[in-house]
Amino acid sequence: MKKMADELPIIAIMGGTGNQGYGLALRWAKAGYKIFLGSRDQKKAILSAEKINELVSPVFPVIGSDNGEAADLSNIAILAVPASAQVSVADEIRDKIKGKILIDVTVPLVPPKILRVQLPQNGSVVARLQGHLGDEIQVVSAFQNIAAHHLQDIDHEIDCDVLVCGNKKYAREEAIKLVTAAGMRGWHAGPIENSAAAEAMTSLLLYINRHYSLDGAGIRISGKKA
């Protein structure tokens, strides 16, 4: 894994043209990170990268590419694709991210009943991916409960904390640095299996949004850090 102590890590976002991935790329580019937008449609990735560059004029211009190239050039990879594509995209980049951290934002929403919690048999889609990929890749769960349209509004102060789950503390720490850079507060939330709570929370928040006509309800952890 490339060293990240003295420099900001290079970030590759698989699904960088989607709502969540694009919003994260926008915020990290503004914060000074070098970003590669990955997609199965490279032309679409290039157009999205150009749009971000116009909006925030980053120090390092965002680069659009295919998933494989983006993952290969990164220190940390982000998986921001629909649950139906999670495993197939992860398998595409598997050899490119060995020894690296993979931050997965996947939520198992199953249309049309997205307001109902529908977790897989083992309890978590992200934990299932960690088991599938093995220990050579450290999978971290984060950003499941953040409204994508808030991420894309670069001037919007996001009133929501981020639960970060993963089996290795150092991997969670790197993810929390990215949470902070994107303008939010991250919390160590335990091993990867605990991701089930954040994944389930998304459907609850969507239900609350609809029932009370709210605009992107989020969660806050109360109390004071030691």
C-alpha atoms as a PDB file:
ATOM      1  CA  MET A   1       0.000   0.000   0.000  1.00  0.00           C
ATOM      2  CA  LYS A   2       1.331   3.456  -0.870  1.00  0.00           C
ATOM      3  CA  LYS A   3       2.306   5.651   2.044  1.00  0.00           C
ATOM      4  CA  MET A   4      -0.280   8.141   3.241  1.00  0.00           C
ATOM      5  CA  ALA A   5       1.517   9.766   6.207  1.00  0.00           C
ATOM      6  CA  ASP A   6       2.857  12.911   4.526  1.00  0.00           C
ATOM      7  CA  GLU A   7       0.426  13.296   1.642  1.00  0.00           C
ATOM      8  CA  LEU A   8      -3.304  13.040   1.231  1.00  0.00           C
ATOM      9  CA  PRO A   9      -4.247   9.642  -0.194  1.00  0.00           C
ATOM     10  CA  ILE A  10      -5.347   9.300  -3.790  1.00  0.00           C
ATOM     11  CA  ILE A  11      -9.036   8.367  -3.896  1.00  0.00           C
ATOM     12  CA  ALA A  12     -10.776   6.268  -6.543  1.00  0.00           C
ATOM     13  CA  ILE A  13     -14.567   6.274  -6.540  1.00  0.00           C
ATOM     14  CA  MET A  14     -16.260   3.387  -8.284  1.00  0.00           C
ATOM     15  CA  GLY A  15     -19.728   4.647  -9.113  1.00  0.00           C
ATOM     16  CA  GLY A  16     -18.340   8.159  -9.174  1.00  0.00           C
ATOM     17  CA  THR A  17     -20.954   9.226 -11.702  1.00  0.00           C
ATOM     18  CA  GLY A  18     -23.829   8.218  -9.404  1.00  0.00           C
ATOM     19  CA  ASN A  19     -25.461  10.575  -6.923  1.00  0.00           C
ATOM     20  CA  GLN A  20     -23.586   9.453  -3.806  1.00  0.00           C
ATOM     21  CA  GLY A  21     -20.208   8.956  -5.462  1.00  0.00           C
ATOM     22  CA  TYR A  22     -20.396  12.248  -7.327  1.00  0.00           C
ATOM     23  CA  GLY A  23     -21.273  14.148  -4.153  1.00  0.00           C
ATOM     24  CA  LEU A  24     -18.355  12.647  -2.227  1.00  0.00           C
ATOM     25  CA  ALA A  25     -15.970  13.364  -5.113  1.00  0.00           C
ATOM     26  CA  LEU A  26     -17.098  16.976  -5.212  1.00  0.00           C
ATOM     27  CA  ARG A  27     -16.396  17.502  -1.504  1.00  0.00           C
ATOM     28  CA  TRP A  28     -13.055  15.683  -1.447  1.00  0.00           C
ATOM     29  CA  ALA A  29     -11.842  17.477  -4.551  1.00  0.00           C
ATOM     30  CA  LYS A  30     -12.622  20.793  -2.878  1.00  0.00           C
ATOM     31  CA  ALA A  31     -10.729  19.591   0.228  1.00  0.00           C
ATOM     32  CA  GLY A  32      -7.574  19.039  -1.832  1.00  0.00           C
ATOM     33  CA  TYR A  33      -7.639  15.309  -2.534  1.00  0.00           C
ATOM     34  CA  LYS A  34      -6.643  13.848  -5.885  1.00  0.00           C
ATOM     35  CA  ILE A  35      -9.709  12.036  -7.196  1.00  0.00           C
ATOM     36  CA  PHE A  36     -10.249   9.452  -9.910  1.00  0.00           C
ATOM     37  CA  LEU A  37     -13.865   8.874 -10.911  1.00  0.00           C
ATOM     38  CA  GLY A  38     -14.336   5.272 -11.975  1.00  0.00           C
ATOM     39  CA  SER A  39     -17.184   3.973 -14.095  1.00  0.00           C
ATOM     40  CA  ARG A  40     -18.008   1.163 -16.479  1.00  0.00           C
ATOM     41  CA  ASP A  41     -18.778   4.022 -18.897  1.00  0.00           C
ATOM     42  CA  GLN A  42     -15.528   5.986 -19.139  1.00  0.00           C
ATOM     43  CA  LYS A  43     -17.069   8.772 -21.222  1.00  0.00           C
ATOM     44  CA  LYS A  44     -19.640   9.374 -18.525  1.00  0.00           C
ATOM     45  CA  ALA A  45     -16.871   9.488 -15.902  1.00  0.00           C
ATOM     46  CA  ILE A  46     -14.939  12.046 -17.928  1.00  0.00           C
ATOM     47  CA  LEU A  47     -17.994  14.298 -18.241  1.00  0.00           C
ATOM     48  CA  SER A  48     -18.682  14.084 -14.490  1.00  0.00           C
ATOM     49  CA  ALA A  49     -15.041  14.899 -13.726  1.00  0.00           C
ATOM     50  CA  GLU A  50     -15.154  17.941 -15.998  1.00  0.00           C
ATOM     51  CA  LYS A  51     -18.293  19.158 -14.222  1.00  0.00           C
ATOM     52  CA  ILE A  52     -16.624  18.891 -10.801  1.00  0.00           C
ATOM     53  CA  ASN A  53     -13.543  20.715 -12.070  1.00  0.00           C
ATOM     54  CA  GLU A  54     -15.738  23.576 -13.289  1.00  0.00           C
ATOM     55  CA  LEU A  55     -17.644  23.781  -9.993  1.00  0.00           C
ATOM     56  CA  VAL A  56     -14.796  23.773  -7.464  1.00  0.00           C
ATOM     57  CA  SER A  57     -11.564  24.438  -9.441  1.00  0.00           C
ATOM     58  CA  PRO A  58      -9.644  21.851  -7.378  1.00  0.00           C
ATOM     59  CA  VAL A  59      -5.879  21.917  -6.819  1.00  0.00           C
ATOM     60  CA  PHE A  60      -5.718  18.515  -8.512  1.00  0.00           C
ATOM     61  CA  PRO A  61      -8.177  18.228 -11.407  1.00  0.00           C
ATOM     62  CA  VAL A  62     -10.529  15.272 -11.023  1.00  0.00           C
ATOM     63  CA  ILE A  63      -9.880  12.580 -13.633  1.00  0.00           C
ATOM     64  CA  GLY A  64     -12.540  10.348 -15.150  1.00  0.00           C
ATOM     65  CA  SER A  65     -11.557   6.796 -16.098  1.00  0.00           C
ATOM     66  CA  ASP A  66     -12.724   3.212 -16.076  1.00  0.00           C
ATOM     67  CA  ASN A  67     -13.000   1.345 -12.778  1.00  0.00           C
ATOM     68  CA  GLY A  68      -9.836  -0.695 -13.228  1.00  0.00           C
ATOM     69  CA  GLU A  69      -7.527   2.223 -13.931  1.00  0.00           C
ATOM     70  CA  ALA A  70      -9.028   4.317 -11.146  1.00  0.00           C
ATOM     71  CA  ALA A  71      -8.631   1.534  -8.590  1.00  0.00           C
ATOM     72  CA  ASP A  72      -5.071   0.781  -9.698  1.00  0.00           C
ATOM     73  CA  LEU A  73      -3.945   4.391  -9.220  1.00  0.00           C
ATOM     74  CA  SER A  74      -5.581   4.830  -5.816  1.00  0.00           C
ATOM     75  CA  ASN A  75      -4.538   4.450  -2.192  1.00  0.00           C
ATOM     76  CA  ILE A  76      -8.141   4.165  -1.018  1.00  0.00           C
ATOM     77  CA  ALA A  77     -11.061   2.933  -3.115  1.00  0.00           C
ATOM     78  CA  ILE A  78     -14.699   3.897  -2.615  1.00  0.00           C
ATOM     79  CA  LEU A  79     -17.522   1.609  -3.720  1.00  0.00           C
ATOM     80  CA  ALA A  80     -20.617   3.731  -4.366  1.00  0.00           C
ATOM     81  CA  VAL A  81     -22.726   1.556  -6.645  1.00  0.00           C
ATOM     82  CA  PRO A  82     -26.226   0.056  -6.302  1.00  0.00           C
ATOM     83  CA  ALA A  83     -26.434  -3.069  -4.140  1.00  0.00           C
ATOM     84  CA  SER A  84     -27.163  -5.141  -7.260  1.00  0.00           C
ATOM     85  CA  ALA A  85     -23.737  -4.213  -8.697  1.00  0.00           C
ATOM     86  CA  GLN A  86     -21.725  -4.300  -5.458  1.00  0.00           C
ATOM     87  CA  VAL A  87     -20.079  -7.712  -5.797  1.00  0.00           C
ATOM     88  CA  SER A  88     -19.535  -7.606  -9.565  1.00  0.00           C
ATOM     89  CA  VAL A  89     -17.798  -4.208  -9.452  1.00  0.00           C
ATOM     90  CA  ALA A  90     -15.720  -5.270  -6.435  1.00  0.00           C
ATOM     91  CA  ASP A  91     -14.624  -8.358  -8.354  1.00  0.00           C
ATOM     92  CA  GLU A  92     -13.625  -6.181 -11.331  1.00  0.00           C
ATOM     93  CA  ILE A  93     -11.168  -4.220  -9.206  1.00  0.00           C
ATOM     94  CA  ARG A  94     -10.181  -6.951  -6.757  1.00  0.00           C
ATOM     95  CA  ASP A  95      -6.629  -7.423  -8.007  1.00  0.00           C
ATOM     96  CA  LYS A  96      -6.099  -3.646  -8.145  1.00  0.00           C
ATOM     97  CA  ILE A  97      -6.965  -3.019  -4.485  1.00  0.00           C
ATOM     98  CA  LYS A  98      -5.169  -5.830  -2.664  1.00  0.00           C
ATOM     99  CA  GLY A  99      -3.455  -4.359   0.384  1.00  0.00           C
ATOM    100  CA  LYS A 100      -5.660  -1.265   0.227  1.00  0.00           C
ATOM    101  CA  ILE A 101      -8.750   0.030   2.008  1.00  0.00           C
ATOM    102  CA  LEU A 102     -12.149  -0.243   0.315  1.00  0.00           C
ATOM    103  CA  ILE A 103     -14.837   2.048   1.746  1.00  0.00           C
ATOM    104  CA  ASP A 104     -18.258   0.669   0.851  1.00  0.00           C
ATOM    105  CA  VAL A 105     -21.380   2.857   1.028  1.00  0.00           C
ATOM    106  CA  THR A 106     -23.748   0.095  -0.120  1.00  0.00           C
ATOM    107  CA  VAL A 107     -27.262  -0.096   1.303  1.00  0.00           C
ATOM    108  CA  PRO A 108     -29.498  -3.120   0.538  1.00  0.00           C
ATOM    109  CA  LEU A 109     -32.514  -1.164  -0.662  1.00  0.00           C
ATOM    110  CA  VAL A 110     -34.873  -3.445  -2.569  1.00  0.00           C
ATOM    111  CA  PRO A 111     -37.352  -1.554  -4.782  1.00  0.00           C
ATOM    112  CA  PRO A 112     -40.189  -0.938  -4.633  1.00  0.00           C
ATOM    113  CA  LYS A 113     -40.259  -1.377  -0.835  1.00  0.00           C
ATOM    114  CA  ILE A 114     -37.262   0.801  -0.004  1.00  0.00           C
ATOM    115  CA  LEU A 115     -38.937   2.099   3.170  1.00  0.00           C
ATOM    116  CA  ARG A 116     -38.774  -1.405   4.652  1.00  0.00           C
ATOM    117  CA  VAL A 117     -35.552  -2.829   6.122  1.00  0.00           C
ATOM    118  CA  GLN A 118     -34.449  -5.770   3.967  1.00  0.00           C
ATOM    119  CA  LEU A 119     -31.056  -6.958   5.166  1.00  0.00           C
ATOM    120  CA  PRO A 120     -29.468 -10.125   3.740  1.00  0.00           C
ATOM    121  CA  GLN A 121     -29.413 -13.378   5.702  1.00  0.00           C
ATOM    122  CA  ASN A 122     -26.046 -12.658   7.304  1.00  0.00           C
ATOM    123  CA  GLY A 123     -27.235  -9.213   8.413  1.00  0.00           C
ATOM    124  CA  SER A 124     -25.014  -6.894   6.352  1.00  0.00           C
ATOM    125  CA  VAL A 125     -24.183  -6.513   2.666  1.00  0.00           C
ATOM    126  CA  VAL A 126     -20.877  -4.832   3.505  1.00  0.00           C
ATOM    127  CA  ALA A 127     -19.842  -7.590   5.939  1.00  0.00           C
ATOM    128  CA  ARG A 128     -20.757 -10.101   3.260  1.00  0.00           C
ATOM    129  CA  LEU A 129     -18.440  -8.305   0.832  1.00  0.00           C
ATOM    130  CA  GLN A 130     -15.571  -8.411   3.344  1.00  0.00           C
ATOM    131  CA  GLY A 131     -16.022 -12.175   3.605  1.00  0.00           C
ATOM    132  CA  HIS A 132     -16.110 -12.459  -0.180  1.00  0.00           C
ATOM    133  CA  LEU A 133     -12.940 -10.414  -0.755  1.00  0.00           C
ATOM    134  CA  GLY A 134     -10.899 -11.810   2.138  1.00  0.00           C
ATOM    135  CA  ASP A 135      -8.467 -10.141   4.512  1.00  0.00           C
ATOM    136  CA  GLU A 136      -6.112  -8.854   1.797  1.00  0.00           C
ATOM    137  CA  ILE A 137      -8.590  -6.001   1.335  1.00  0.00           C
ATOM    138  CA  GLN A 138      -9.807  -4.092   4.371  1.00  0.00           C
ATOM    139  CA  VAL A 139     -13.466  -3.202   3.814  1.00  0.00           C
ATOM    140  CA  VAL A 140     -14.920  -0.294   5.769  1.00  0.00           C
ATOM    141  CA  SER A 141     -18.586   0.661   5.893  1.00  0.00           C
ATOM    142  CA  ALA A 142     -19.475   4.381   5.888  1.00  0.00           C
ATOM    143  CA  PHE A 143     -21.768   7.117   4.491  1.00  0.00           C
ATOM    144  CA  GLN A 144     -24.912   4.952   4.337  1.00  0.00           C
ATOM    145  CA  ASN A 145     -27.108   7.535   6.064  1.00  0.00           C
ATOM    146  CA  ILE A 146     -26.159  10.698   4.146  1.00  0.00           C
ATOM    147  CA  ALA A 147     -28.597  12.223   1.662  1.00  0.00           C
ATOM    148  CA  ALA A 148     -26.924  12.345  -1.750  1.00  0.00           C
ATOM    149  CA  HIS A 149     -28.447  15.710  -2.703  1.00  0.00           C
ATOM    150  CA  HIS A 150     -26.904  17.242   0.423  1.00  0.00           C
ATOM    151  CA  LEU A 151     -23.498  15.892  -0.563  1.00  0.00           C
ATOM    152  CA  GLN A 152     -23.866  17.482  -3.985  1.00  0.00           C
ATOM    153  CA  ASP A 153     -24.706  20.896  -2.513  1.00  0.00           C
ATOM    154  CA  ILE A 154     -21.142  21.956  -1.754  1.00  0.00           C
ATOM    155  CA  ASP A 155     -22.270  24.859   0.447  1.00  0.00           C
ATOM    156  CA  HIS A 156     -24.702  22.768   2.500  1.00  0.00           C
ATOM    157  CA  GLU A 157     -23.645  21.990   6.070  1.00  0.00           C
ATOM    158  CA  ILE A 158     -24.607  18.348   6.529  1.00  0.00           C
ATOM    159  CA  ASP A 159     -26.365  17.810   9.851  1.00  0.00           C
ATOM    160  CA  CYS A 160     -25.629  14.098  10.126  1.00  0.00           C
ATOM    161  CA  ASP A 161     -22.972  11.914  11.729  1.00  0.00           C
ATOM    162  CA  VAL A 162     -21.342   8.972   9.962  1.00  0.00           C
ATOM    163  CA  LEU A 163     -21.043   5.506  11.493  1.00  0.00           C
ATOM    164  CA  VAL A 164     -17.794   3.824  10.426  1.00  0.00           C
ATOM    165  CA  CYS A 165     -17.494   0.045  10.762  1.00  0.00           C
ATOM    166  CA  GLY A 166     -14.520  -2.168   9.937  1.00  0.00           C
ATOM    167  CA  ASN A 167     -12.388  -4.912  11.397  1.00  0.00           C
ATOM    168  CA  LYS A 168      -9.161  -2.887  11.583  1.00  0.00           C
ATOM    169  CA  LYS A 169      -8.857   0.348  13.555  1.00  0.00           C
ATOM    170  CA  TYR A 170      -6.321   1.878  11.145  1.00  0.00           C
ATOM    171  CA  ALA A 171      -8.754   1.387   8.252  1.00  0.00           C
ATOM    172  CA  ARG A 172     -11.586   3.017  10.192  1.00  0.00           C
ATOM    173  CA  GLU A 173      -9.256   5.901  11.077  1.00  0.00           C
ATOM    174  CA  GLU A 174      -8.517   6.558   7.404  1.00  0.00           C
ATOM    175  CA  ALA A 175     -12.230   6.533   6.636  1.00  0.00           C
ATOM    176  CA  ILE A 176     -12.952   8.968   9.471  1.00  0.00           C
ATOM    177  CA  LYS A 177     -10.349  11.367   8.038  1.00  0.00           C
ATOM    178  CA  LEU A 178     -12.340  11.350   4.800  1.00  0.00           C
ATOM    179  CA  VAL A 179     -15.594  11.874   6.694  1.00  0.00           C
ATOM    180  CA  THR A 180     -14.087  14.958   8.311  1.00  0.00           C
ATOM    181  CA  ALA A 181     -12.745  16.231   4.987  1.00  0.00           C
ATOM    182  CA  ALA A 182     -16.251  15.951   3.521  1.00  0.00           C
ATOM    183  CA  GLY A 183     -17.623  18.162   6.312  1.00  0.00           C
ATOM    184  CA  MET A 184     -19.097  15.595   8.691  1.00  0.00           C
ATOM    185  CA  ARG A 185     -18.288  13.896  11.983  1.00  0.00           C
ATOM    186  CA  GLY A 186     -17.329  10.221  11.927  1.00  0.00           C
ATOM    187  CA  TRP A 187     -17.591   7.650  14.705  1.00  0.00           C
ATOM    188  CA  HIS A 188     -15.836   4.320  15.234  1.00  0.00           C
ATOM    189  CA  ALA A 189     -18.807   1.939  15.310  1.00  0.00           C
ATOM    190  CA  GLY A 190     -17.074  -1.411  15.697  1.00  0.00           C
ATOM    191  CA  PRO A 191     -16.437  -4.426  13.465  1.00  0.00           C
ATOM    192  CA  ILE A 192     -17.767  -4.789   9.959  1.00  0.00           C
ATOM    193  CA  GLU A 193     -20.791  -6.825  11.109  1.00  0.00           C
ATOM    194  CA  ASN A 194     -22.078  -3.707  12.888  1.00  0.00           C
ATOM    195  CA  SER A 195     -22.621  -2.176   9.460  1.00  0.00           C
ATOM    196  CA  ALA A 196     -26.016  -3.889   9.547  1.00  0.00           C
ATOM    197  CA  ALA A 197     -27.256  -1.137  11.876  1.00  0.00           C
ATOM    198  CA  ALA A 198     -26.264   1.675   9.497  1.00  0.00           C
ATOM    199  CA  GLU A 199     -27.632  -0.197   6.497  1.00  0.00           C
ATOM    200  CA  ALA A 200     -30.973  -0.730   8.222  1.00  0.00           C
ATOM    201  CA  MET A 201     -31.077   2.882   9.382  1.00  0.00           C
ATOM    202  CA  THR A 202     -31.270   4.106   5.791  1.00  0.00           C
ATOM    203  CA  SER A 203     -34.737   2.667   5.269  1.00  0.00           C
ATOM    204  CA  LEU A 204     -35.851   4.100   8.615  1.00  0.00           C
ATOM    205  CA  LEU A 205     -34.619   7.563   7.669  1.00  0.00           C
ATOM    206  CA  LEU A 206     -36.277   7.360   4.256  1.00  0.00           C
ATOM    207  CA  TYR A 207     -39.556   6.467   5.974  1.00  0.00           C
ATOM    208  CA  ILE A 208     -39.181   9.375   8.429  1.00  0.00           C
ATOM    209  CA  ASN A 209     -38.397  11.748   5.550  1.00  0.00           C
ATOM    210  CA  ARG A 210     -41.553  10.754   3.721  1.00  0.00           C
ATOM    211  CA  HIS A 211     -43.859  10.614   6.740  1.00  0.00           C
ATOM    212  CA  TYR A 212     -42.832  14.008   8.107  1.00  0.00           C
ATOM    213  CA  SER A 213     -41.931  15.685   4.786  1.00  0.00           C
ATOM    214  CA  LEU A 214     -38.334  16.212   5.898  1.00  0.00           C
ATOM    215  CA  ASP A 215     -35.392  17.024   3.633  1.00  0.00           C
ATOM    216  CA  GLY A 216     -32.719  14.399   4.277  1.00  0.00           C
ATOM    217  CA  ALA A 217     -33.110  13.410   7.938  1.00  0.00           C
ATOM    218  CA  GLY A 218     -29.883  12.166   9.522  1.00  0.00           C
ATOM    219  CA  ILE A 219     -28.528  10.808  12.794  1.00  0.00           C
ATOM    220  CA  ARG A 220     -26.534  12.472  15.564  1.00  0.00           C
ATOM    221  CA  ILE A 221     -24.556  10.733  18.307  1.00  0.00           C
ATOM    222  CA  SER A 222     -25.205  12.550  21.586  1.00  0.00           C
ATOM    223  CA  GLY A 223     -22.762  12.935  24.469  1.00  0.00           C
ATOM    224  CA  LYS A 224     -19.190  14.177  24.501  1.00  0.00           C
ATOM    225  CA  LYS A 225     -16.099  12.484  23.148  1.00  0.00           C
ATOM    226  CA  ALA A 226     -13.610  11.523  25.851  1.00  0.00           C
END
